[in-house]
Amino acid sequence: MATLLSSGIPPKALVDLARNPSLQLQWSMFRHVFSPNLGELGQRLKSLPRHVPAIVQDLARHKGSFLISDLLGFLSLALPTGLLDSSQVGVFMREILELAQLPTSFDGIEKELYIVACQLDTWERAVFSATTTPNVSIPEAVAASSAIPIVFKPVRLNGIDYVDGGVKGAAAVDVAIDHGAELVVVVNFLHRFGRTIADLGIKGVANQVARGILKDTLADHVRLLRETHPDVDIVVIEPLPNDEKMFFHEVMSTSARLVVAQHGYESVLDGMNRNHSHFSRVMARHGIEISPAILEAKPWSIPVRSLESGDLPERLRQTVFGGRRARANQQRVEKLARAIEQVEAEMTSSGQPIVPEEERPQAPAPVAPRAARPRAAAARAPRPRRRSAGTPASRQPRSRRRSPS
């Protein structure tokens, strides 16, 4: 995301891309991002017989004390370092940048871009940029920074293996501060869910534990930086503890991207409305004015309700597991794109915000004088009776036409 934004792609274009991706783009993403690591698996299976003599010697030396865990340790030698091939992520990123005619090198973009990863052997953090790693391209750095351990195999660049930089900390806020940033905005979409999680099964427990660890790590990181850099303003934007939509959506779910984008947009505006004085005071110190017109540019209101066991299955069916999502995607994207256009217009102009034509108030139609109005008909067709819920149409009482008196 940071790579695309720093290359000049506006948020509206990203929304449009998520709204209607081409078949070529979808196939390219599926083929590269979710590419199984079959090459390494085959190599390890071929080399497995070389370890058989050692395991036989251990078995003969420790008769009676050989455990199943020892056998599992031997079989683990056949497993690859990651389920998916992370190098294909870089290929996909390169195709995206070349398709948009954007540079693939750090020195080719005007804005400063820093991509963080972690060196697997030394466990030191690595920062890819135009000054620190001029011989590494942006797609290669993105692949290294996205190599989630176990999910993706480590990315080897210039003889060094890299994994996801998140293992060194939830957010590299200090990297921005070290390069002169005085205002840092951190967006954290992972959060703990403050309700009864055990009732949701193993998936809910795993979600809660993973998100809780990341949230606590981020909070400690930000608190330490605020103490050591009191002159830097750090703004953290994250969901509320009772926001079940952001909790139940999978992090890598492509089908929920529009729901998450629209709901996140609404949640941020609601939070800025509730804490308008705080955000206005912080942004004013950096010459940024929060216009009330931007906060009021909501596509529609989405209440963030607490988790209730009664309607939870129905709400999950509608918002998480499909349901009405496909039918509402078109309307959701149009309203979200319209709101983004209004925000961009407000930020680039000093006048009144641009209101879409279909939302502009229409002038009232001229009303004819009372004497010129035609008199209403004396008799009107009877209204059909409203059908009661749960009763078939064939059993509904039919309305009878009254005879004129």
Protein backbone atom coordinates (compact mmCIF):
# COMPACT_ATOMS: atom_id res chain seq x y z
CA MET A 1 0.00 0.00 0.00
CA ALA A 2 2.75 2.47 0.92
CA THR A 3 4.56 1.66 -2.33
CA LEU A 4 1.52 2.48 -4.45
CA LEU A 5 0.70 5.66 -2.53
CA SER A 6 4.28 6.92 -2.67
CA SER A 7 4.30 6.28 -6.42
CA GLY A 8 1.43 8.74 -6.88
CA ILE A 9 -1.58 6.42 -7.06
CA PRO A 10 -4.50 8.17 -5.29
CA PRO A 11 -6.74 6.30 -2.84
CA LYS A 12 -9.69 6.49 -5.25
CA ALA A 13 -7.75 4.49 -7.84
CA LEU A 14 -7.07 1.80 -5.26
CA VAL A 15 -10.77 1.64 -4.43
CA ASP A 16 -11.63 1.33 -8.12
CA LEU A 17 -9.04 -1.43 -8.46
CA ALA A 18 -10.60 -3.36 -5.59
CA ARG A 19 -14.05 -2.71 -6.99
CA ASN A 20 -13.62 -4.23 -10.42
CA PRO A 21 -10.29 -6.01 -10.86
CA SER A 22 -9.69 -7.46 -14.30
CA LEU A 23 -9.53 -11.19 -14.80
CA GLN A 24 -5.87 -10.83 -15.75
CA LEU A 25 -5.11 -9.06 -12.46
CA GLN A 26 -7.03 -11.60 -10.39
CA TRP A 27 -5.30 -14.52 -12.08
CA SER A 28 -1.89 -12.86 -11.70
CA MET A 29 -2.48 -12.26 -7.98
CA PHE A 30 -3.68 -15.82 -7.41
CA ARG A 31 -0.82 -17.30 -9.43
CA HIS A 32 1.94 -15.29 -7.74
CA VAL A 33 0.81 -14.42 -4.22
CA PHE A 34 -0.64 -17.87 -3.50
CA SER A 35 2.07 -19.85 -5.29
CA PRO A 36 2.91 -23.08 -3.38
CA ASN A 37 6.54 -23.60 -2.49
CA LEU A 38 6.74 -26.85 -4.47
CA GLY A 39 10.30 -26.32 -5.70
CA GLU A 40 11.85 -26.34 -2.25
CA LEU A 41 9.57 -29.19 -1.15
CA GLY A 42 10.84 -31.35 -4.00
CA GLN A 43 14.47 -30.57 -3.21
CA ARG A 44 14.04 -31.48 0.45
CA LEU A 45 12.28 -34.73 -0.36
CA LYS A 46 15.17 -35.70 -2.63
CA SER A 47 17.73 -34.96 0.10
CA LEU A 48 15.79 -36.79 2.83
CA PRO A 49 17.42 -40.22 2.21
CA ARG A 50 20.80 -38.73 3.14
CA HIS A 51 19.59 -38.33 6.74
CA VAL A 52 18.37 -41.93 7.09
CA PRO A 53 21.72 -43.37 8.33
CA ALA A 54 21.89 -40.76 11.10
CA ILE A 55 18.37 -41.50 12.33
CA VAL A 56 19.08 -45.26 12.27
CA GLN A 57 22.22 -44.77 14.36
CA ASP A 58 20.29 -42.71 16.91
CA LEU A 59 17.63 -45.41 17.06
CA ALA A 60 20.23 -48.13 17.69
CA ARG A 61 22.12 -46.05 20.25
CA HIS A 62 19.06 -45.10 22.29
CA LYS A 63 17.03 -48.30 22.33
CA GLY A 64 13.96 -47.97 24.46
CA SER A 65 14.24 -44.20 24.75
CA PHE A 66 13.44 -43.27 21.16
CA LEU A 67 10.42 -40.97 21.17
CA ILE A 68 7.85 -40.11 18.56
CA SER A 69 9.11 -36.53 18.68
CA ASP A 70 12.47 -37.75 17.36
CA LEU A 71 10.74 -39.28 14.36
CA LEU A 72 8.77 -36.10 13.80
CA GLY A 73 12.00 -34.13 13.93
CA PHE A 74 13.39 -36.35 11.19
CA LEU A 75 10.29 -35.93 9.04
CA SER A 76 10.40 -32.14 9.52
CA LEU A 77 13.56 -32.12 7.41
CA ALA A 78 11.32 -32.76 4.41
CA LEU A 79 9.19 -29.69 5.05
CA PRO A 80 9.99 -26.44 3.20
CA THR A 81 10.86 -23.21 5.02
CA GLY A 82 7.51 -21.76 3.98
CA LEU A 83 4.22 -22.94 2.54
CA LEU A 84 4.19 -20.31 -0.22
CA ASP A 85 6.90 -19.04 -2.56
CA SER A 86 7.60 -15.47 -1.46
CA SER A 87 9.68 -14.64 -4.52
CA GLN A 88 6.52 -14.64 -6.60
CA VAL A 89 5.21 -11.73 -4.52
CA GLY A 90 7.99 -9.59 -5.96
CA VAL A 91 7.11 -10.74 -9.48
CA PHE A 92 3.49 -9.73 -8.91
CA MET A 93 4.51 -6.33 -7.52
CA ARG A 94 6.75 -5.71 -10.52
CA GLU A 95 3.90 -6.52 -12.90
CA ILE A 96 1.62 -4.07 -11.08
CA LEU A 97 4.16 -1.24 -11.22
CA GLU A 98 5.04 -1.87 -14.86
CA LEU A 99 1.36 -2.08 -15.78
CA ALA A 100 0.81 1.35 -14.20
CA GLN A 101 4.03 2.64 -15.83
CA LEU A 102 5.57 3.38 -12.44
CA PRO A 103 9.26 3.08 -11.50
CA THR A 104 10.48 -0.09 -9.84
CA SER A 105 13.55 1.48 -8.21
CA PHE A 106 13.66 3.63 -5.08
CA ASP A 107 15.48 6.48 -6.80
CA GLY A 108 12.77 6.64 -9.46
CA ILE A 109 10.07 8.00 -7.11
CA GLU A 110 9.96 11.54 -5.76
CA LYS A 111 8.75 10.75 -2.24
CA GLU A 112 10.84 8.98 0.37
CA LEU A 113 9.92 5.33 0.76
CA TYR A 114 11.28 3.03 3.48
CA ILE A 115 10.42 -0.67 3.52
CA VAL A 116 11.28 -2.64 6.66
CA ALA A 117 12.28 -6.32 6.86
CA CYS A 118 14.24 -8.52 9.26
CA GLN A 119 17.46 -10.44 8.59
CA LEU A 120 16.76 -14.05 9.54
CA ASP A 121 20.31 -15.08 10.51
CA THR A 122 21.29 -12.07 12.64
CA TRP A 123 17.74 -11.04 13.65
CA GLU A 124 18.54 -7.43 12.84
CA ARG A 125 16.16 -5.01 11.22
CA ALA A 126 16.83 -4.01 7.62
CA VAL A 127 15.50 -0.82 6.04
CA PHE A 128 15.32 -0.74 2.24
CA SER A 129 15.50 2.72 0.67
CA ALA A 130 17.24 4.69 -2.05
CA THR A 131 20.16 5.54 0.24
CA THR A 132 20.61 2.33 2.25
CA THR A 133 20.02 -0.31 -0.45
CA PRO A 134 20.32 1.27 -3.92
CA ASN A 135 20.92 -2.15 -5.51
CA VAL A 136 17.59 -3.59 -4.28
CA SER A 137 14.45 -2.85 -6.28
CA ILE A 138 11.07 -1.97 -4.79
CA PRO A 139 9.45 -5.32 -5.76
CA GLU A 140 12.30 -7.23 -4.11
CA ALA A 141 11.99 -5.14 -0.94
CA VAL A 142 8.21 -5.65 -0.86
CA ALA A 143 8.68 -9.42 -1.18
CA ALA A 144 11.19 -9.44 1.69
CA SER A 145 8.96 -7.29 3.88
CA SER A 146 5.94 -9.53 3.16
CA ALA A 147 7.63 -12.86 3.91
CA ILE A 148 5.55 -13.87 6.93
CA PRO A 149 7.42 -16.70 8.66
CA ILE A 150 6.11 -20.22 7.94
CA VAL A 151 3.51 -18.82 5.51
CA PHE A 152 6.14 -17.57 3.02
CA LYS A 153 9.67 -18.84 2.66
CA PRO A 154 12.43 -16.30 3.45
CA VAL A 155 13.51 -14.05 0.60
CA ARG A 156 17.20 -14.21 -0.25
CA LEU A 157 18.71 -10.95 -1.52
CA ASN A 158 22.47 -10.67 -2.10
CA GLY A 159 23.08 -13.80 0.00
CA ILE A 160 20.97 -12.63 2.98
CA ASP A 161 17.65 -14.19 4.00
CA TYR A 162 14.87 -11.78 4.99
CA VAL A 163 11.47 -12.24 6.65
CA ASP A 164 8.59 -9.93 7.48
CA GLY A 165 9.74 -6.83 9.34
CA GLY A 166 6.75 -7.10 11.67
CA VAL A 167 8.59 -9.71 13.74
CA LYS A 168 10.85 -6.91 15.01
CA GLY A 169 7.91 -4.74 16.06
CA ALA A 170 4.34 -4.00 15.09
CA ALA A 171 5.25 -0.70 13.40
CA ALA A 172 8.54 0.93 12.42
CA VAL A 173 7.53 4.36 13.69
CA ASP A 174 11.09 5.13 14.76
CA VAL A 175 12.26 4.81 11.14
CA ALA A 176 10.05 7.74 10.16
CA ILE A 177 11.20 9.75 13.19
CA ASP A 178 14.87 9.08 12.43
CA HIS A 179 14.33 10.55 8.96
CA GLY A 180 12.86 13.81 10.25
CA ALA A 181 9.14 13.12 10.60
CA GLU A 182 7.41 15.37 13.14
CA LEU A 183 3.91 13.93 12.62
CA VAL A 184 3.44 10.16 12.29
CA VAL A 185 0.04 8.58 11.61
CA VAL A 186 -0.14 4.87 12.46
CA VAL A 187 -3.05 2.82 11.10
CA ASN A 188 -3.60 -0.42 13.03
CA PHE A 189 -6.51 -2.51 11.76
CA LEU A 190 -5.75 -5.45 14.09
CA HIS A 191 -7.23 -5.25 17.56
CA ARG A 192 -8.45 -7.37 20.43
CA PHE A 193 -12.16 -8.05 20.63
CA GLY A 194 -13.46 -7.34 24.10
CA ARG A 195 -16.20 -9.97 24.34
CA THR A 196 -16.60 -13.68 24.99
CA ILE A 197 -14.18 -15.18 22.47
CA ALA A 198 -14.08 -18.79 23.69
CA ASP A 199 -17.62 -19.35 22.39
CA LEU A 200 -16.37 -18.73 18.85
CA GLY A 201 -14.07 -21.75 18.82
CA ILE A 202 -10.40 -22.18 18.01
CA LYS A 203 -10.47 -19.63 15.19
CA GLY A 204 -11.74 -16.90 17.50
CA VAL A 205 -9.16 -17.75 20.16
CA ALA A 206 -6.31 -17.71 17.63
CA ASN A 207 -7.53 -14.38 16.24
CA GLN A 208 -7.73 -12.84 19.71
CA VAL A 209 -4.27 -14.02 20.78
CA ALA A 210 -2.49 -12.94 17.58
CA ARG A 211 -4.19 -9.56 17.42
CA GLY A 212 -3.66 -8.96 21.13
CA ILE A 213 0.08 -9.60 20.87
CA LEU A 214 0.42 -7.23 17.92
CA LYS A 215 -1.65 -4.53 19.61
CA ASP A 216 0.33 -4.69 22.85
CA THR A 217 3.62 -4.60 20.94
CA LEU A 218 2.49 -1.54 19.01
CA ALA A 219 1.29 0.20 22.18
CA ASP A 220 4.63 -0.38 23.93
CA HIS A 221 6.53 0.80 20.86
CA VAL A 222 4.51 4.01 20.56
CA ARG A 223 4.69 4.71 24.30
CA LEU A 224 8.48 4.40 24.29
CA LEU A 225 8.82 6.70 21.28
CA ARG A 226 6.54 9.31 22.86
CA GLU A 227 8.77 9.33 25.93
CA THR A 228 12.01 9.61 23.96
CA HIS A 229 10.65 12.01 21.32
CA PRO A 230 8.18 14.35 23.07
CA ASP A 231 8.41 16.83 20.19
CA VAL A 232 6.93 14.31 17.71
CA ASP A 233 3.17 13.79 17.46
CA ILE A 234 2.15 10.15 16.96
CA VAL A 235 -1.48 9.59 16.01
CA VAL A 236 -2.73 5.99 16.24
CA ILE A 237 -5.89 5.07 14.31
CA GLU A 238 -7.35 1.68 15.20
CA PRO A 239 -10.77 0.03 15.56
CA LEU A 240 -12.80 0.13 18.73
CA PRO A 241 -12.63 -2.93 21.02
CA ASN A 242 -16.24 -3.86 20.17
CA ASP A 243 -15.86 -3.58 16.39
CA GLU A 244 -16.71 -7.11 15.28
CA LYS A 245 -16.47 -6.33 11.56
CA MET A 246 -12.75 -5.60 11.72
CA PHE A 247 -12.21 -8.59 14.02
CA PHE A 248 -13.93 -11.33 12.04
CA HIS A 249 -12.66 -10.38 8.59
CA GLU A 250 -9.56 -12.32 7.62
CA VAL A 251 -6.42 -10.23 7.11
CA MET A 252 -5.78 -11.67 3.63
CA SER A 253 -9.43 -11.92 2.58
CA THR A 254 -9.86 -10.47 -0.90
CA SER A 255 -13.64 -10.88 -0.90
CA ALA A 256 -14.01 -8.56 2.09
CA ARG A 257 -11.78 -5.76 0.80
CA LEU A 258 -14.65 -3.41 -0.06
CA VAL A 259 -16.44 -4.01 3.24
CA VAL A 260 -13.25 -3.31 5.18
CA ALA A 261 -12.44 -0.19 3.12
CA GLN A 262 -15.90 1.30 3.51
CA HIS A 263 -16.22 0.38 7.19
CA GLY A 264 -12.73 1.65 7.98
CA TYR A 265 -13.47 4.96 6.25
CA GLU A 266 -16.63 5.38 8.31
CA SER A 267 -14.97 4.38 11.57
CA VAL A 268 -12.13 6.88 11.14
CA LEU A 269 -14.56 9.72 10.43
CA ASP A 270 -16.63 8.78 13.47
CA GLY A 271 -13.50 8.74 15.64
CA MET A 272 -12.37 12.13 14.34
CA ASN A 273 -15.84 13.51 15.03
CA ARG A 274 -15.81 12.24 18.60
CA ASN A 275 -12.30 13.61 19.24
CA HIS A 276 -12.44 16.61 16.94
CA SER A 277 -10.82 18.99 19.42
CA HIS A 278 -7.85 16.67 19.99
CA PHE A 279 -7.20 15.98 16.31
CA SER A 280 -7.64 19.65 15.40
CA ARG A 281 -5.13 20.69 18.05
CA VAL A 282 -2.55 18.10 16.95
CA MET A 283 -2.90 18.77 13.23
CA ALA A 284 -2.84 22.54 13.72
CA ARG A 285 0.69 22.27 15.13
CA HIS A 286 1.78 21.01 11.70
CA GLY A 287 -0.22 23.46 9.59
CA ILE A 288 -3.02 21.01 8.78
CA GLU A 289 -6.63 22.09 9.18
CA ILE A 290 -9.42 19.55 9.56
CA SER A 291 -12.40 20.96 7.73
CA PRO A 292 -15.85 20.12 9.14
CA ALA A 293 -16.99 19.53 5.55
CA ILE A 294 -14.58 16.59 5.31
CA LEU A 295 -15.90 15.02 8.49
CA GLU A 296 -19.45 15.39 7.22
CA ALA A 297 -18.67 13.78 3.84
CA LYS A 298 -19.96 10.38 4.92
CA PRO A 299 -21.39 8.00 2.33
CA TRP A 300 -23.84 6.78 4.95
CA SER A 301 -23.92 6.02 8.65
CA ILE A 302 -22.69 2.67 9.91
CA PRO A 303 -23.20 2.11 13.63
CA VAL A 304 -20.53 0.07 15.38
CA ARG A 305 -22.56 -2.11 17.70
CA SER A 306 -21.39 -4.43 20.41
CA LEU A 307 -21.40 -8.18 19.98
CA GLU A 308 -24.74 -9.78 20.77
CA SER A 309 -25.07 -13.53 20.64
CA GLY A 310 -28.64 -13.37 19.38
CA ASP A 311 -28.01 -11.73 16.00
CA LEU A 312 -24.35 -12.71 15.62
CA PRO A 313 -24.89 -15.61 13.15
CA GLU A 314 -27.08 -13.50 10.88
CA ARG A 315 -24.67 -10.56 10.92
CA LEU A 316 -21.71 -12.82 10.22
CA ARG A 317 -23.58 -14.39 7.32
CA GLN A 318 -24.26 -10.99 5.81
CA THR A 319 -20.94 -9.24 6.45
CA VAL A 320 -18.24 -11.88 6.76
CA PHE A 321 -19.25 -15.08 5.01
CA GLY A 322 -20.81 -13.52 1.91
CA GLY A 323 -24.58 -13.06 2.09
CA ARG A 324 -25.63 -9.69 0.72
CA ARG A 325 -22.10 -8.43 0.13
CA ALA A 326 -22.04 -9.02 -3.62
CA ARG A 327 -25.27 -7.12 -4.22
CA ALA A 328 -24.15 -4.17 -2.11
CA ASN A 329 -20.62 -3.86 -3.51
CA GLN A 330 -21.61 -1.60 -6.42
CA GLN A 331 -23.47 0.89 -4.23
CA ARG A 332 -20.77 0.75 -1.55
CA VAL A 333 -17.96 1.58 -3.97
CA GLU A 334 -19.86 4.40 -5.65
CA LYS A 335 -20.59 6.10 -2.33
CA LEU A 336 -17.08 5.57 -1.01
CA ALA A 337 -15.49 6.90 -4.21
CA ARG A 338 -17.82 9.90 -4.15
CA ALA A 339 -16.81 10.69 -0.57
CA ILE A 340 -13.12 10.41 -1.42
CA GLU A 341 -13.58 12.77 -4.35
CA GLN A 342 -15.23 15.31 -2.06
CA VAL A 343 -12.39 15.04 0.47
CA GLU A 344 -9.75 15.51 -2.24
CA ALA A 345 -11.61 18.49 -3.67
CA GLU A 346 -11.87 20.09 -0.23
CA MET A 347 -8.16 19.63 0.45
CA THR A 348 -7.08 21.13 -2.89
CA SER A 349 -9.44 24.09 -3.02
CA SER A 350 -10.11 26.92 -0.64
CA GLY A 351 -13.78 27.32 -1.51
CA GLN A 352 -16.84 25.29 -0.60
CA PRO A 353 -16.64 21.49 -0.95
CA ILE A 354 -17.82 19.98 -4.20
CA VAL A 355 -21.17 18.27 -3.78
CA PRO A 356 -22.06 15.52 -6.26
CA GLU A 357 -24.76 16.51 -8.70
CA GLU A 358 -27.10 13.75 -7.65
CA GLU A 359 -26.90 14.95 -4.01
CA ARG A 360 -27.43 18.65 -4.67
CA PRO A 361 -30.74 20.01 -3.41
CA GLN A 362 -33.17 20.57 -6.24
CA ALA A 363 -35.15 23.77 -6.56
CA PRO A 364 -38.82 23.25 -5.60
CA ALA A 365 -41.25 23.06 -8.46
CA PRO A 366 -43.59 26.07 -8.86
CA VAL A 367 -46.91 25.58 -7.10
CA ALA A 368 -50.07 26.55 -8.91
CA PRO A 369 -52.49 28.98 -7.22
CA ARG A 370 -55.15 27.36 -5.08
CA ALA A 371 -57.98 28.47 -7.34
CA ALA A 372 -56.31 26.89 -10.37
CA ARG A 373 -55.85 23.51 -8.75
CA PRO A 374 -58.13 20.81 -10.09
CA ARG A 375 -60.51 19.38 -7.54
CA ALA A 376 -59.65 15.89 -6.40
CA ALA A 377 -61.82 13.08 -7.64
CA ALA A 378 -64.71 12.23 -5.41
CA ALA A 379 -64.10 8.50 -5.49
CA ARG A 380 -60.70 6.84 -5.19
CA ALA A 381 -59.72 3.29 -5.82
CA PRO A 382 -59.51 1.41 -2.54
CA ARG A 383 -56.04 0.62 -1.25
CA PRO A 384 -55.16 -3.06 -1.13
CA ARG A 385 -54.97 -4.36 2.37
CA ARG A 386 -51.48 -5.00 3.72
CA ARG A 387 -50.66 -8.65 3.94
CA SER A 388 -49.77 -9.85 7.39
CA ALA A 389 -46.36 -11.43 7.90
CA GLY A 390 -46.21 -15.20 7.53
CA THR A 391 -49.59 -15.58 5.72
CA PRO A 392 -49.66 -16.89 2.14
CA ALA A 393 -51.06 -14.57 -0.49
CA SER A 394 -53.77 -17.07 -1.43
CA ARG A 395 -55.25 -16.91 2.11
CA GLN A 396 -55.30 -13.15 2.41
CA PRO A 397 -58.79 -11.56 2.51
CA ARG A 398 -59.51 -9.72 -0.70
CA SER A 399 -60.64 -6.14 -0.53
CA ARG A 400 -64.21 -5.61 -1.65
CA ARG A 401 -65.16 -2.68 -3.83
CA ARG A 402 -67.91 -0.58 -2.27
CA SER A 403 -70.86 0.27 -4.44
CA PRO A 404 -71.44 3.99 -4.90
CA SER A 405 -74.19 5.36 -2.68
